[in-house]
PDB file of N, CA and C in Angstrom:
ATOM      1  N   MET A   1      33.027  35.460  20.010  1.00  0.00           N
ATOM      2  CA  MET A   1      33.990  35.880  20.609  1.00  0.00           C
ATOM      3  C   MET A   1      35.320  35.424  20.131  1.00  0.00           C
ATOM      4  N   LEU A   2      35.385  34.259  19.430  1.00  0.00           N
ATOM      5  CA  LEU A   2      36.467  33.951  18.738  1.00  0.00           C
ATOM      6  C   LEU A   2      36.696  34.823  17.713  1.00  0.00           C
ATOM      7  N   ARG A   3      36.034  35.520  16.824  1.00  0.00           N
ATOM      8  CA  ARG A   3      36.122  36.455  15.753  1.00  0.00           C
ATOM      9  C   ARG A   3      36.848  37.841  16.671  1.00  0.00           C
ATOM     10  N   ILE A   4      36.353  37.974  17.796  1.00  0.00           N
ATOM     11  CA  ILE A   4      36.744  39.409  18.491  1.00  0.00           C
ATOM     12  C   ILE A   4      38.312  39.162  18.852  1.00  0.00           C
ATOM     13  N   PHE A   5      38.549  37.755  19.339  1.00  0.00           N
ATOM     14  CA  PHE A   5      39.705  37.565  19.540  1.00  0.00           C
ATOM     15  C   PHE A   5      40.876  37.870  18.161  1.00  0.00           C
ATOM     16  N   GLN A   6      40.208  37.008  17.706  1.00  0.00           N
ATOM     17  CA  GLN A   6      41.077  37.019  16.026  1.00  0.00           C
ATOM     18  C   GLN A   6      41.396  38.464  15.386  1.00  0.00           C
ATOM     19  N   GLU A   7      40.568  39.279  15.903  1.00  0.00           N
ATOM     20  CA  GLU A   7      40.661  40.661  15.230  1.00  0.00           C
ATOM     21  C   GLU A   7      41.666  41.466  16.204  1.00  0.00           C
ATOM     22  N   ALA A   8      41.617  41.362  17.345  1.00  0.00           N
ATOM     23  CA  ALA A   8      42.122  42.098  18.385  1.00  0.00           C
ATOM     24  C   ALA A   8      43.549  41.515  18.220  1.00  0.00           C
ATOM     25  N   ILE A   9      43.829  40.400  18.147  1.00  0.00           N
ATOM     26  CA  ILE A   9      45.339  39.536  18.045  1.00  0.00           C
ATOM     27  C   ILE A   9      45.815  40.208  16.621  1.00  0.00           C
ATOM     28  N   GLY A  10      45.079  40.173  15.486  1.00  0.00           N
ATOM     29  CA  GLY A  10      45.715  40.590  14.333  1.00  0.00           C
ATOM     30  C   GLY A  10      46.312  42.077  14.615  1.00  0.00           C
ATOM     31  N   ASN A  11      45.330  42.901  15.341  1.00  0.00           N
ATOM     32  CA  ASN A  11      45.576  44.300  15.339  1.00  0.00           C
ATOM     33  C   ASN A  11      46.723  44.365  16.370  1.00  0.00           C
ATOM     34  N   VAL A  12      47.178  43.644  17.335  1.00  0.00           N
ATOM     35  CA  VAL A  12      48.690  43.791  18.075  1.00  0.00           C
ATOM     36  C   VAL A  12      49.656  43.282  17.276  1.00  0.00           C
ATOM     37  N   LEU A  13      49.506  42.313  16.245  1.00  0.00           N
ATOM     38  CA  LEU A  13      50.378  42.044  15.211  1.00  0.00           C
ATOM     39  C   LEU A  13      50.722  42.800  14.430  1.00  0.00           C
ATOM     40  N   ALA A  14      49.954  43.553  13.742  1.00  0.00           N
ATOM     41  CA  ALA A  14      50.111  44.718  12.756  1.00  0.00           C
ATOM     42  C   ALA A  14      50.641  45.817  13.399  1.00  0.00           C
ATOM     43  N   HIS A  15      49.877  46.238  14.462  1.00  0.00           N
ATOM     44  CA  HIS A  15      50.110  47.599  14.904  1.00  0.00           C
ATOM     45  C   HIS A  15      50.964  48.000  16.412  1.00  0.00           C
ATOM     46  N   ALA A  16      51.032  47.068  17.141  1.00  0.00           N
ATOM     47  CA  ALA A  16      51.575  47.253  18.703  1.00  0.00           C
ATOM     48  C   ALA A  16      52.887  47.179  18.703  1.00  0.00           C
ATOM     49  N   GLY A  17      53.597  46.336  17.780  1.00  0.00           N
ATOM     50  CA  GLY A  17      55.066  45.921  18.120  1.00  0.00           C
ATOM     51  C   GLY A  17      55.344  45.394  19.243  1.00  0.00           C
ATOM     52  N   ALA A  18      54.256  44.633  19.551  1.00  0.00           N
ATOM     53  CA  ALA A  18      54.330  43.579  20.803  1.00  0.00           C
ATOM     54  C   ALA A  18      55.471  42.589  20.628  1.00  0.00           C
ATOM     55  N   THR A  19      55.865  41.978  21.604  1.00  0.00           N
ATOM     56  CA  THR A  19      56.444  40.844  21.604  1.00  0.00           C
ATOM     57  C   THR A  19      55.833  39.674  22.525  1.00  0.00           C
ATOM     58  N   GLU A  20      54.891  39.971  23.352  1.00  0.00           N
ATOM     59  CA  GLU A  20      54.200  39.260  24.025  1.00  0.00           C
ATOM     60  C   GLU A  20      52.624  39.680  24.033  1.00  0.00           C
ATOM     61  N   ILE A  21      51.828  38.544  23.898  1.00  0.00           N
ATOM     62  CA  ILE A  21      50.297  38.787  24.144  1.00  0.00           C
ATOM     63  C   ILE A  21      49.646  37.744  24.665  1.00  0.00           C
ATOM     64  N   ARG A  22      48.792  38.437  25.994  1.00  0.00           N
ATOM     65  CA  ARG A  22      48.009  37.556  26.747  1.00  0.00           C
ATOM     66  C   ARG A  22      46.538  37.504  26.292  1.00  0.00           C
ATOM     67  N   ILE A  23      46.047  36.419  26.604  1.00  0.00           N
ATOM     68  CA  ILE A  23      44.750  36.588  26.049  1.00  0.00           C
ATOM     69  C   ILE A  23      43.939  35.714  27.054  1.00  0.00           C
ATOM     70  N   GLY A  24      42.721  35.947  27.236  1.00  0.00           N
ATOM     71  CA  GLY A  24      41.807  35.075  28.267  1.00  0.00           C
ATOM     72  C   GLY A  24      40.290  35.159  28.696  1.00  0.00           C
ATOM     73  N   CYS A  25      39.737  34.593  29.259  1.00  0.00           N
ATOM     74  CA  CYS A  25      38.407  34.774  29.713  1.00  0.00           C
ATOM     75  C   CYS A  25      38.210  34.583  31.114  1.00  0.00           C
ATOM     76  N   ARG A  26      37.310  35.008  31.678  1.00  0.00           N
ATOM     77  CA  ARG A  26      37.005  34.995  33.109  1.00  0.00           C
ATOM     78  C   ARG A  26      35.394  34.814  33.216  1.00  0.00           C
ATOM     79  N   GLU A  27      35.024  34.213  34.493  1.00  0.00           N
ATOM     80  CA  GLU A  27      33.529  34.720  34.724  1.00  0.00           C
ATOM     81  C   GLU A  27      33.737  35.991  35.113  1.00  0.00           C
ATOM     82  N   ASP A  28      32.639  36.500  34.896  1.00  0.00           N
ATOM     83  CA  ASP A  28      31.991  38.031  35.393  1.00  0.00           C
ATOM     84  C   ASP A  28      30.559  38.230  35.617  1.00  0.00           C
ATOM     85  N   GLN A  29      30.151  39.512  36.096  1.00  0.00           N
ATOM     86  CA  GLN A  29      29.099  39.748  36.221  1.00  0.00           C
ATOM     87  C   GLN A  29      28.960  41.429  35.988  1.00  0.00           C
ATOM     88  N   ARG A  30      27.875  41.603  35.043  1.00  0.00           N
ATOM     89  CA  ARG A  30      27.525  43.186  34.976  1.00  0.00           C
ATOM     90  C   ARG A  30      25.977  43.371  35.251  1.00  0.00           C
ATOM     91  N   GLU A  31      25.801  43.912  35.931  1.00  0.00           N
ATOM     92  CA  GLU A  31      24.236  44.410  36.399  1.00  0.00           C
ATOM     93  C   GLU A  31      23.620  42.985  36.881  1.00  0.00           C
ATOM     94  N   ARG A  32      24.546  42.504  37.634  1.00  0.00           N
ATOM     95  CA  ARG A  32      23.723  41.233  38.485  1.00  0.00           C
ATOM     96  C   ARG A  32      23.423  39.905  37.342  1.00  0.00           C
ATOM     97  N   ILE A  33      23.792  40.229  36.138  1.00  0.00           N
ATOM     98  CA  ILE A  33      23.977  39.306  35.219  1.00  0.00           C
ATOM     99  C   ILE A  33      25.211  38.265  35.160  1.00  0.00           C
ATOM    100  N   ALA A  34      25.199  37.077  35.112  1.00  0.00           N
ATOM    101  CA  ALA A  34      26.373  36.520  35.184  1.00  0.00           C
ATOM    102  C   ALA A  34      27.024  36.405  33.369  1.00  0.00           C
ATOM    103  N   GLY A  35      27.943  36.320  33.175  1.00  0.00           N
ATOM    104  CA  GLY A  35      28.593  36.428  31.804  1.00  0.00           C
ATOM    105  C   GLY A  35      29.986  35.876  31.783  1.00  0.00           C
ATOM    106  N   VAL A  36      30.786  36.529  31.023  1.00  0.00           N
ATOM    107  CA  VAL A  36      32.212  36.505  30.657  1.00  0.00           C
ATOM    108  C   VAL A  36      32.705  37.710  30.423  1.00  0.00           C
ATOM    109  N   ALA A  37      34.012  37.899  30.964  1.00  0.00           N
ATOM    110  CA  ALA A  37      34.952  39.091  30.591  1.00  0.00           C
ATOM    111  C   ALA A  37      36.276  38.547  29.511  1.00  0.00           C
ATOM    112  N   ALA A  38      36.241  38.953  28.642  1.00  0.00           N
ATOM    113  CA  ALA A  38      37.523  38.539  27.629  1.00  0.00           C
ATOM    114  C   ALA A  38      38.659  39.650  27.481  1.00  0.00           C
ATOM    115  N   TYR A  39      39.640  39.221  27.444  1.00  0.00           N
ATOM    116  CA  TYR A  39      40.568  40.213  27.555  1.00  0.00           C
ATOM    117  C   TYR A  39      41.891  39.680  26.466  1.00  0.00           C
ATOM    118  N   VAL A  40      42.421  40.768  26.031  1.00  0.00           N
ATOM    119  CA  VAL A  40      43.774  40.557  25.137  1.00  0.00           C
ATOM    120  C   VAL A  40      44.639  41.872  25.724  1.00  0.00           C
ATOM    121  N   ALA A  41      45.762  41.499  25.824  1.00  0.00           N
ATOM    122  CA  ALA A  41      46.751  42.142  26.573  1.00  0.00           C
ATOM    123  C   ALA A  41      48.101  42.028  25.756  1.00  0.00           C
ATOM    124  N   ASP A  42      48.836  43.215  25.866  1.00  0.00           N
ATOM    125  CA  ASP A  42      50.094  43.127  25.361  1.00  0.00           C
ATOM    126  C   ASP A  42      51.311  44.093  25.724  1.00  0.00           C
ATOM    127  N   ASN A  43      52.647  43.781  25.325  1.00  0.00           N
ATOM    128  CA  ASN A  43      53.617  44.630  25.875  1.00  0.00           C
ATOM    129  C   ASN A  43      54.094  45.737  24.574  1.00  0.00           C
ATOM    130  N   GLY A  44      53.227  46.051  23.870  1.00  0.00           N
ATOM    131  CA  GLY A  44      53.664  46.676  22.630  1.00  0.00           C
ATOM    132  C   GLY A  44      53.397  48.262  23.193  1.00  0.00           C
ATOM    133  N   HIS A  45      53.597  49.235  22.190  1.00  0.00           N
ATOM    134  CA  HIS A  45      53.930  50.666  22.423  1.00  0.00           C
ATOM    135  C   HIS A  45      52.615  51.375  22.802  1.00  0.00           C
ATOM    136  N   GLY A  46      51.188  50.405  22.916  1.00  0.00           N
ATOM    137  CA  GLY A  46      50.074  51.199  22.832  1.00  0.00           C
ATOM    138  C   GLY A  46      49.244  51.387  21.829  1.00  0.00           C
ATOM    139  N   SER A  47      47.866  51.758  22.187  1.00  0.00           N
ATOM    140  CA  SER A  47      47.253  52.282  20.603  1.00  0.00           C
ATOM    141  C   SER A  47      47.377  53.698  20.528  1.00  0.00           C
ATOM    142  N   ILE A  48      47.060  53.794  19.099  1.00  0.00           N
ATOM    143  CA  ILE A  48      46.823  55.178  18.880  1.00  0.00           C
ATOM    144  C   ILE A  48      45.763  56.017  19.656  1.00  0.00           C
ATOM    145  N   ASP A  49      46.013  57.416  19.700  1.00  0.00           N
ATOM    146  CA  ASP A  49      44.946  57.898  20.791  1.00  0.00           C
ATOM    147  C   ASP A  49      43.508  57.866  19.944  1.00  0.00           C
ATOM    148  N   MET A  50      42.408  57.036  20.478  1.00  0.00           N
ATOM    149  CA  MET A  50      41.197  56.744  19.830  1.00  0.00           C
ATOM    150  C   MET A  50      40.493  57.891  19.943  1.00  0.00           C
ATOM    151  N   ALA A  51      40.708  58.925  20.635  1.00  0.00           N
ATOM    152  CA  ALA A  51      39.895  60.320  20.729  1.00  0.00           C
ATOM    153  C   ALA A  51      40.139  60.967  19.425  1.00  0.00           C
ATOM    154  N   SER A  52      41.429  60.954  19.065  1.00  0.00           N
ATOM    155  CA  SER A  52      41.900  61.905  17.800  1.00  0.00           C
ATOM    156  C   SER A  52      41.722  61.440  16.433  1.00  0.00           C
ATOM    157  N   ARG A  53      41.196  60.015  16.327  1.00  0.00           N
ATOM    158  CA  ARG A  53      40.988  59.414  14.991  1.00  0.00           C
ATOM    159  C   ARG A  53      39.945  58.532  15.133  1.00  0.00           C
ATOM    160  N   GLN A  54      39.164  58.154  14.155  1.00  0.00           N
ATOM    161  CA  GLN A  54      37.887  57.206  14.166  1.00  0.00           C
ATOM    162  C   GLN A  54      38.497  56.056  13.926  1.00  0.00           C
ATOM    163  N   ALA A  55      37.761  55.356  14.832  1.00  0.00           N
ATOM    164  CA  ALA A  55      38.201  53.607  14.829  1.00  0.00           C
ATOM    165  C   ALA A  55      38.013  53.198  13.310  1.00  0.00           C
ATOM    166  N   GLY A  56      38.775  52.278  13.042  1.00  0.00           N
ATOM    167  CA  GLY A  56      38.773  51.634  11.686  1.00  0.00           C
ATOM    168  C   GLY A  56      37.704  50.564  11.831  1.00  0.00           C
ATOM    169  N   LYS A  57      37.690  49.840  10.654  1.00  0.00           N
ATOM    170  CA  LYS A  57      36.770  48.706  10.544  1.00  0.00           C
ATOM    171  C   LYS A  57      36.575  47.608  11.565  1.00  0.00           C
ATOM    172  N   GLY A  58      38.072  47.469  11.746  1.00  0.00           N
ATOM    173  CA  GLY A  58      38.266  45.893  12.504  1.00  0.00           C
ATOM    174  C   GLY A  58      37.690  46.164  14.239  1.00  0.00           C
ATOM    175  N   ILE A  59      38.048  47.695  14.626  1.00  0.00           N
ATOM    176  CA  ILE A  59      37.405  47.697  15.978  1.00  0.00           C
ATOM    177  C   ILE A  59      36.026  48.086  15.899  1.00  0.00           C
ATOM    178  N   ALA A  60      35.432  48.620  14.906  1.00  0.00           N
ATOM    179  CA  ALA A  60      33.929  48.704  14.715  1.00  0.00           C
ATOM    180  C   ALA A  60      33.122  47.428  14.652  1.00  0.00           C
ATOM    181  N   SER A  61      33.924  46.382  14.132  1.00  0.00           N
ATOM    182  CA  SER A  61      33.474  45.051  13.801  1.00  0.00           C
ATOM    183  C   SER A  61      33.675  44.165  15.304  1.00  0.00           C
ATOM    184  N   MET A  62      34.529  44.447  15.945  1.00  0.00           N
ATOM    185  CA  MET A  62      34.735  44.093  17.304  1.00  0.00           C
ATOM    186  C   MET A  62      33.584  44.755  18.209  1.00  0.00           C
ATOM    187  N   LYS A  63      33.221  45.820  18.376  1.00  0.00           N
ATOM    188  CA  LYS A  63      32.326  46.683  18.958  1.00  0.00           C
ATOM    189  C   LYS A  63      30.798  45.982  18.606  1.00  0.00           C
ATOM    190  N   ALA A  64      30.618  45.628  17.267  1.00  0.00           N
ATOM    191  CA  ALA A  64      29.382  45.242  16.932  1.00  0.00           C
ATOM    192  C   ALA A  64      29.425  43.676  17.274  1.00  0.00           C
ATOM    193  N   ARG A  65      30.234  42.969  17.175  1.00  0.00           N
ATOM    194  CA  ARG A  65      29.996  41.710  17.498  1.00  0.00           C
ATOM    195  C   ARG A  65      29.796  41.598  19.171  1.00  0.00           C
ATOM    196  N   ALA A  66      30.650  42.589  20.154  1.00  0.00           N
ATOM    197  CA  ALA A  66      29.976  42.396  21.304  1.00  0.00           C
ATOM    198  C   ALA A  66      28.785  42.900  21.749  1.00  0.00           C
ATOM    199  N   SER A  67      28.347  43.769  21.006  1.00  0.00           N
ATOM    200  CA  SER A  67      27.181  44.021  21.147  1.00  0.00           C
ATOM    201  C   SER A  67      26.193  43.003  20.998  1.00  0.00           C
ATOM    202  N   SER A  68      26.209  42.697  20.045  1.00  0.00           N
ATOM    203  CA  SER A  68      25.325  41.308  19.514  1.00  0.00           C
ATOM    204  C   SER A  68      25.179  40.183  20.695  1.00  0.00           C
ATOM    205  N   LEU A  69      26.357  40.344  21.386  1.00  0.00           N
ATOM    206  CA  LEU A  69      26.668  39.257  22.457  1.00  0.00           C
ATOM    207  C   LEU A  69      26.051  39.885  23.831  1.00  0.00           C
ATOM    208  N   HIS A  70      25.677  40.964  23.470  1.00  0.00           N
ATOM    209  CA  HIS A  70      24.959  41.984  24.688  1.00  0.00           C
ATOM    210  C   HIS A  70      26.329  42.106  25.592  1.00  0.00           C
ATOM    211  N   GLY A  71      27.388  42.684  25.209  1.00  0.00           N
ATOM    212  CA  GLY A  71      28.317  42.861  25.670  1.00  0.00           C
ATOM    213  C   GLY A  71      28.769  44.335  25.416  1.00  0.00           C
ATOM    214  N   HIS A  72      30.247  44.754  25.503  1.00  0.00           N
ATOM    215  CA  HIS A  72      30.576  46.006  25.236  1.00  0.00           C
ATOM    216  C   HIS A  72      32.248  45.459  25.148  1.00  0.00           C
ATOM    217  N   LEU A  73      32.806  46.632  24.302  1.00  0.00           N
ATOM    218  CA  LEU A  73      34.241  46.599  24.325  1.00  0.00           C
ATOM    219  C   LEU A  73      35.024  47.649  24.718  1.00  0.00           C
ATOM    220  N   ASP A  74      36.023  47.506  25.276  1.00  0.00           N
ATOM    221  CA  ASP A  74      36.660  48.848  25.811  1.00  0.00           C
ATOM    222  C   ASP A  74      38.319  48.748  25.155  1.00  0.00           C
ATOM    223  N   CYS A  75      38.590  49.922  24.511  1.00  0.00           N
ATOM    224  CA  CYS A  75      39.784  49.765  24.056  1.00  0.00           C
ATOM    225  C   CYS A  75      40.930  50.688  24.462  1.00  0.00           C
TER     226      CYS A  75
END
């Protein structure tokens, strides 16, 4: 999860033009299995329309890391 946070924060700093970043984790359940939900939020201008372009290596890496933890990544 640390590497996912690092990449997400780096993306915000490089691309979002944000002045604030909020990160956190909370207990969560998916399909009745206990786990953790993590989030990164910012006040930047938003991401580029992901449907109109291929995700970069950073997002692909975050998705792979989340998958290896039996999770998923929402952008």
